[in-house]
Amino acid sequence: MLLDGKVMMEYIGATGVPVKFDQVPIEEDINFHFIISFAIDADPLGKPQNGTFSPYWVPSLTPDSVAAIKASNPNVKALASLSGWSLGDKVLSWYNPVDPQLWISNAFTSLKSLATTYQLDGIDIDYENFPKHNESFAYCIGELITLLKNQSVISIATIAPFHTTTIPYLDLFNRYGGVIDYVNHQFYTDKVKTPRGYLEAFRLRASQFDKDKVLPSYEVNGRGIQGDAFFDALRLLEANGFDVNGVMIFSADASASNDYYYERKSQAFLLNSTTM
């Protein structure tokens, strides 16, 4: 039986490593979300395509492989993450569409096609660079998510802010929080390396967004808190009244080198956690 609210968010496919879904350990009592990275509104040279998203994740993540992992694990869902930091050497940025309605229409059409091909259940918003004036971001993305949900193209939407992108994501969340299910805040960008520092960072983001939607996150072989100190931080969150009902990990690509230690231990933590 699935435990309501116990979720794993696992980014996969962003780095070029030929990772596969069936390599990742999946506990049957966890709502396991693969966040396939990335679908990008750009051509291969990085030129914006006015809302037409194309898949740029590693080729080993095929439509058939999505279908197979979902067939063998009914608790698995698949999301496409939008944008990311770069496409090759080209740094990606939100841009203000000349015609926002046309951008939304193009995005809806292209993402509906991707959702059909890859059996996607949702999207993750991971724009990481913004122009000085980005007023259209909240409107375009919020309306896009709303349309995709209203038309039953997706059932899940998540956002992935980090320390320098809090403002545009807060604008989006404050206006469209009702259609956003989880906040995959990139805590590893908050430059905290101890459980106590992690608690303070989490407390801040929980106050800015919705404490019940913010998930603690970990970057494998990366920035921020590292090693088992992350699990000390999770225990500290619970001791201070936060319900740890999910974990976000970046990424499966890096975890292959350590036999998915953090995925295994995170799921065990969630299954043993008393909060619901």
Protein backbone atom coordinates (compact mmCIF):
# COMPACT_ATOMS: atom_id res chain seq x y z
CA MET A 1 0.00 0.00 0.00
CA LEU A 2 1.36 3.41 -0.95
CA LEU A 3 1.92 5.80 1.90
CA ASP A 4 0.24 9.08 1.03
CA GLY A 5 2.73 11.92 0.96
CA LYS A 6 5.93 9.83 0.96
CA VAL A 7 7.62 10.98 -2.24
CA MET A 8 10.99 10.70 -3.94
CA MET A 9 11.99 13.15 -6.63
CA GLU A 10 14.91 11.82 -8.68
CA TYR A 11 16.47 13.92 -11.44
CA ILE A 12 17.79 11.78 -14.26
CA GLY A 13 19.34 12.23 -17.69
CA ALA A 14 20.87 15.71 -17.53
CA THR A 15 24.60 15.01 -17.64
CA GLY A 16 25.05 12.76 -20.66
CA VAL A 17 25.79 9.65 -18.58
CA PRO A 18 23.90 6.71 -20.19
CA VAL A 19 21.81 6.05 -17.09
CA LYS A 20 18.69 3.87 -17.15
CA PHE A 21 15.54 3.90 -15.04
CA ASP A 22 15.81 0.25 -14.03
CA GLN A 23 19.21 0.84 -12.42
CA VAL A 24 17.62 3.01 -9.73
CA PRO A 25 16.30 1.26 -6.58
CA ILE A 26 12.57 1.91 -6.10
CA GLU A 27 10.68 1.04 -2.92
CA GLU A 28 7.12 -0.01 -3.68
CA ASP A 29 5.66 2.01 -0.79
CA ILE A 30 7.16 5.29 -2.03
CA ASN A 31 5.57 7.58 -4.61
CA PHE A 32 8.64 7.64 -6.86
CA HIS A 33 8.97 10.48 -9.36
CA PHE A 34 11.61 10.45 -12.07
CA ILE A 35 12.31 14.01 -13.26
CA ILE A 36 13.68 13.58 -16.77
CA SER A 37 16.09 16.38 -17.64
CA PHE A 38 15.67 18.42 -19.72
CA ALA A 39 12.97 19.50 -22.17
CA ILE A 40 14.11 22.81 -23.61
CA ASP A 41 12.45 25.62 -25.56
CA ALA A 42 15.39 25.85 -27.97
CA ASP A 43 16.93 24.38 -31.09
CA PRO A 44 20.21 22.39 -30.79
CA LEU A 45 22.19 25.65 -30.95
CA GLY A 46 20.24 27.09 -28.03
CA LYS A 47 18.08 29.48 -30.05
CA PRO A 48 14.65 30.00 -28.41
CA GLN A 49 11.73 28.41 -30.26
CA ASN A 50 8.85 30.48 -28.85
CA GLY A 51 7.52 27.79 -26.54
CA THR A 52 8.23 24.70 -28.62
CA PHE A 53 9.97 22.29 -26.21
CA SER A 54 12.19 19.45 -27.40
CA PRO A 55 13.75 16.61 -25.38
CA TYR A 56 17.48 16.93 -24.72
CA TRP A 57 17.90 14.22 -22.09
CA VAL A 58 20.29 11.30 -22.51
CA PRO A 59 19.19 8.99 -25.38
CA SER A 60 19.05 5.92 -23.09
CA LEU A 61 15.83 7.33 -21.58
CA THR A 62 13.52 6.19 -24.37
CA PRO A 63 9.72 6.20 -24.50
CA ASP A 64 9.81 2.39 -24.25
CA SER A 65 11.99 2.56 -21.14
CA VAL A 66 9.54 4.95 -19.46
CA ALA A 67 6.67 2.60 -20.31
CA ALA A 68 8.63 -0.38 -18.96
CA ILE A 69 9.59 1.16 -15.61
CA LYS A 70 6.01 2.35 -15.05
CA ALA A 71 4.61 -1.07 -15.98
CA SER A 72 6.90 -2.86 -13.53
CA ASN A 73 6.50 -0.21 -10.81
CA PRO A 74 2.94 1.17 -10.54
CA ASN A 75 4.17 3.70 -7.97
CA VAL A 76 6.44 5.43 -10.52
CA LYS A 77 5.58 8.70 -12.22
CA ALA A 78 7.57 10.53 -14.88
CA LEU A 79 8.00 14.30 -15.17
CA ALA A 80 9.88 16.38 -17.73
CA SER A 81 12.00 19.17 -16.27
CA LEU A 82 11.92 22.36 -18.30
CA SER A 83 15.08 24.29 -19.23
CA GLY A 84 17.89 23.68 -16.75
CA TRP A 85 21.09 25.72 -16.68
CA SER A 86 22.49 25.18 -20.16
CA LEU A 87 22.35 23.32 -23.45
CA GLY A 88 25.92 22.31 -24.13
CA ASP A 89 27.93 25.51 -23.67
CA LYS A 90 24.89 27.73 -24.24
CA VAL A 91 23.55 29.15 -20.96
CA LEU A 92 19.75 29.16 -21.03
CA SER A 93 17.59 31.97 -19.72
CA TRP A 94 13.94 32.82 -19.46
CA TYR A 95 13.01 35.35 -22.12
CA ASN A 96 9.91 37.50 -22.35
CA PRO A 97 7.84 36.24 -25.31
CA VAL A 98 6.61 38.90 -27.72
CA ASP A 99 3.19 37.21 -27.63
CA PRO A 100 2.70 35.40 -24.29
CA GLN A 101 -0.51 33.70 -25.46
CA LEU A 102 1.28 32.24 -28.49
CA TRP A 103 4.13 31.04 -26.26
CA ILE A 104 1.65 29.33 -23.91
CA SER A 105 -0.15 27.73 -26.87
CA ASN A 106 3.09 26.45 -28.40
CA ALA A 107 4.31 25.17 -25.03
CA PHE A 108 1.02 23.39 -24.39
CA THR A 109 1.07 21.71 -27.80
CA SER A 110 4.71 20.60 -27.63
CA LEU A 111 4.47 19.37 -24.04
CA LYS A 112 1.23 17.51 -24.75
CA SER A 113 3.06 15.71 -27.55
CA LEU A 114 6.00 14.90 -25.26
CA ALA A 115 3.62 13.71 -22.54
CA THR A 116 1.94 11.34 -24.98
CA THR A 117 5.23 9.99 -26.37
CA TYR A 118 6.94 9.53 -23.00
CA GLN A 119 3.88 8.78 -20.83
CA LEU A 120 4.63 11.84 -18.71
CA ASP A 121 2.59 12.57 -15.59
CA GLY A 122 3.88 16.08 -15.00
CA ILE A 123 6.42 18.83 -15.48
CA ASP A 124 9.09 20.41 -13.31
CA ILE A 125 10.01 24.08 -13.80
CA ASP A 126 13.78 24.57 -13.66
CA TYR A 127 14.54 27.89 -15.33
CA GLU A 128 17.73 29.06 -13.65
CA ASN A 129 18.58 32.39 -15.30
CA PHE A 130 16.37 35.43 -15.67
CA PRO A 131 16.59 38.82 -17.36
CA LYS A 132 16.36 41.89 -15.14
CA HIS A 133 12.71 42.23 -16.11
CA ASN A 134 10.98 38.84 -16.08
CA GLU A 135 7.39 39.84 -15.45
CA SER A 136 6.08 37.33 -18.00
CA PHE A 137 7.59 34.27 -16.26
CA ALA A 138 4.95 33.79 -13.57
CA TYR A 139 2.08 34.43 -15.99
CA CYS A 140 3.33 32.20 -18.81
CA ILE A 141 4.40 29.30 -16.61
CA GLY A 142 1.42 29.56 -14.28
CA GLU A 143 -1.07 29.64 -17.13
CA LEU A 144 0.77 26.79 -18.88
CA ILE A 145 0.59 24.55 -15.79
CA THR A 146 -3.07 25.47 -15.28
CA LEU A 147 -3.93 24.63 -18.90
CA LEU A 148 -2.01 21.34 -18.84
CA LYS A 149 -3.82 20.31 -15.66
CA ASN A 150 -7.25 21.50 -16.77
CA GLN A 151 -6.89 19.51 -20.01
CA SER A 152 -5.70 16.45 -18.03
CA VAL A 153 -2.37 16.37 -19.85
CA ILE A 154 -0.53 16.32 -16.51
CA SER A 155 -1.48 15.67 -12.89
CA ILE A 156 1.71 16.90 -11.16
CA ALA A 157 3.68 20.15 -11.34
CA THR A 158 6.82 21.00 -9.39
CA ILE A 159 9.19 23.96 -9.29
CA ALA A 160 12.93 24.01 -8.60
CA PRO A 161 14.08 27.39 -7.26
CA PHE A 162 17.50 28.02 -5.75
CA HIS A 163 19.05 30.81 -3.73
CA THR A 164 19.40 33.38 -6.54
CA THR A 165 16.08 32.59 -8.27
CA THR A 166 13.80 32.81 -5.25
CA ILE A 167 12.10 36.05 -6.33
CA PRO A 168 10.67 34.95 -9.72
CA TYR A 169 9.64 31.59 -8.27
CA LEU A 170 7.96 33.23 -5.29
CA ASP A 171 6.02 35.41 -7.72
CA LEU A 172 4.95 32.27 -9.58
CA PHE A 173 4.08 30.41 -6.37
CA ASN A 174 2.17 33.29 -4.82
CA ARG A 175 0.02 33.61 -7.94
CA TYR A 176 -0.32 29.97 -8.97
CA GLY A 177 0.50 27.93 -5.85
CA GLY A 178 -2.79 26.09 -6.14
CA VAL A 179 -1.55 24.18 -9.21
CA ILE A 180 2.00 23.59 -7.90
CA ASP A 181 2.33 20.32 -5.97
CA TYR A 182 5.92 20.38 -4.71
CA VAL A 183 8.81 22.82 -4.33
CA ASN A 184 12.09 21.06 -5.16
CA HIS A 185 14.21 23.81 -3.66
CA GLN A 186 17.89 23.28 -4.43
CA PHE A 187 19.15 23.50 -0.84
CA TYR A 188 22.64 22.51 -1.98
CA THR A 189 22.92 26.02 -3.45
CA ASP A 190 22.27 27.62 -0.05
CA LYS A 191 25.90 27.01 0.98
CA VAL A 192 25.04 25.14 4.18
CA LYS A 193 27.20 22.19 5.16
CA THR A 194 25.91 21.29 8.64
CA PRO A 195 22.58 19.90 9.88
CA ARG A 196 21.97 23.08 11.91
CA GLY A 197 22.61 25.28 8.89
CA TYR A 198 20.34 23.06 6.80
CA LEU A 199 17.57 23.46 9.37
CA GLU A 200 17.81 27.25 9.19
CA ALA A 201 17.80 27.22 5.38
CA PHE A 202 14.78 24.92 5.36
CA ARG A 203 12.98 27.09 7.90
CA LEU A 204 13.50 30.12 5.62
CA ARG A 205 12.24 28.40 2.46
CA ALA A 206 9.32 26.83 4.34
CA SER A 207 8.25 30.31 5.44
CA GLN A 208 8.58 31.72 1.91
CA PHE A 209 6.76 28.90 0.11
CA ASP A 210 4.46 26.29 1.69
CA LYS A 211 6.13 24.16 4.38
CA ASP A 212 4.02 21.18 3.34
CA LYS A 213 5.19 21.42 -0.28
CA VAL A 214 8.91 22.13 0.22
CA LEU A 215 11.09 19.01 -0.05
CA PRO A 216 14.60 18.70 1.41
CA SER A 217 17.15 18.08 -1.33
CA TYR A 218 20.58 16.57 -1.80
CA GLU A 219 23.18 16.81 -4.58
CA VAL A 220 25.20 13.60 -4.96
CA ASN A 221 28.96 14.28 -5.08
CA GLY A 222 28.09 17.95 -5.19
CA ARG A 223 27.55 21.14 -3.26
CA GLY A 224 26.14 21.84 0.17
CA ILE A 225 25.74 19.28 2.92
CA GLN A 226 27.36 15.95 2.02
CA GLY A 227 27.38 12.37 3.27
CA ASP A 228 25.35 11.07 6.18
CA ALA A 229 25.13 14.59 7.61
CA PHE A 230 22.17 14.96 5.23
CA PHE A 231 20.24 12.32 7.18
CA ASP A 232 21.23 14.01 10.43
CA ALA A 233 19.67 17.14 8.92
CA LEU A 234 16.45 15.26 8.10
CA ARG A 235 16.22 14.01 11.68
CA LEU A 236 16.82 17.56 12.92
CA LEU A 237 14.00 18.84 10.69
CA GLU A 238 11.62 16.33 12.26
CA ALA A 239 12.82 17.17 15.76
CA ASN A 240 11.94 20.80 15.04
CA GLY A 241 8.39 20.10 13.94
CA PHE A 242 8.78 19.73 10.17
CA ASP A 243 7.17 16.76 8.45
CA VAL A 244 9.73 15.13 6.17
CA ASN A 245 7.41 13.46 3.70
CA GLY A 246 9.74 13.50 0.71
CA VAL A 247 13.27 13.96 -0.59
CA MET A 248 14.65 15.34 -3.85
CA ILE A 249 17.96 14.01 -5.17
CA PHE A 250 20.13 15.35 -7.96
CA SER A 251 20.89 13.06 -9.60
CA ALA A 252 20.64 9.42 -10.68
CA ASP A 253 23.42 10.16 -13.15
CA ALA A 254 25.90 10.71 -10.30
CA SER A 255 24.45 8.04 -8.00
CA ALA A 256 25.38 5.17 -10.30
CA SER A 257 28.95 5.42 -9.00
CA ASN A 258 27.93 4.68 -5.38
CA ASP A 259 25.21 2.08 -6.01
CA TYR A 260 22.49 4.65 -5.31
CA TYR A 261 23.37 4.91 -1.63
CA TYR A 262 21.41 8.13 -1.08
CA GLU A 263 18.33 6.89 -2.93
CA ARG A 264 18.30 3.72 -0.83
CA LYS A 265 18.87 5.50 2.47
CA SER A 266 16.42 8.34 1.70
CA GLN A 267 13.63 5.89 0.94
CA ALA A 268 14.42 3.89 4.08
CA PHE A 269 14.29 7.11 6.09
CA LEU A 270 10.91 8.04 4.62
CA LEU A 271 9.47 4.59 5.27
CA ASN A 272 10.69 4.65 8.88
CA SER A 273 9.57 8.23 9.48
CA THR A 274 6.63 8.71 11.81
CA THR A 275 5.33 11.87 10.14
CA MET A 276 2.56 11.72 7.56
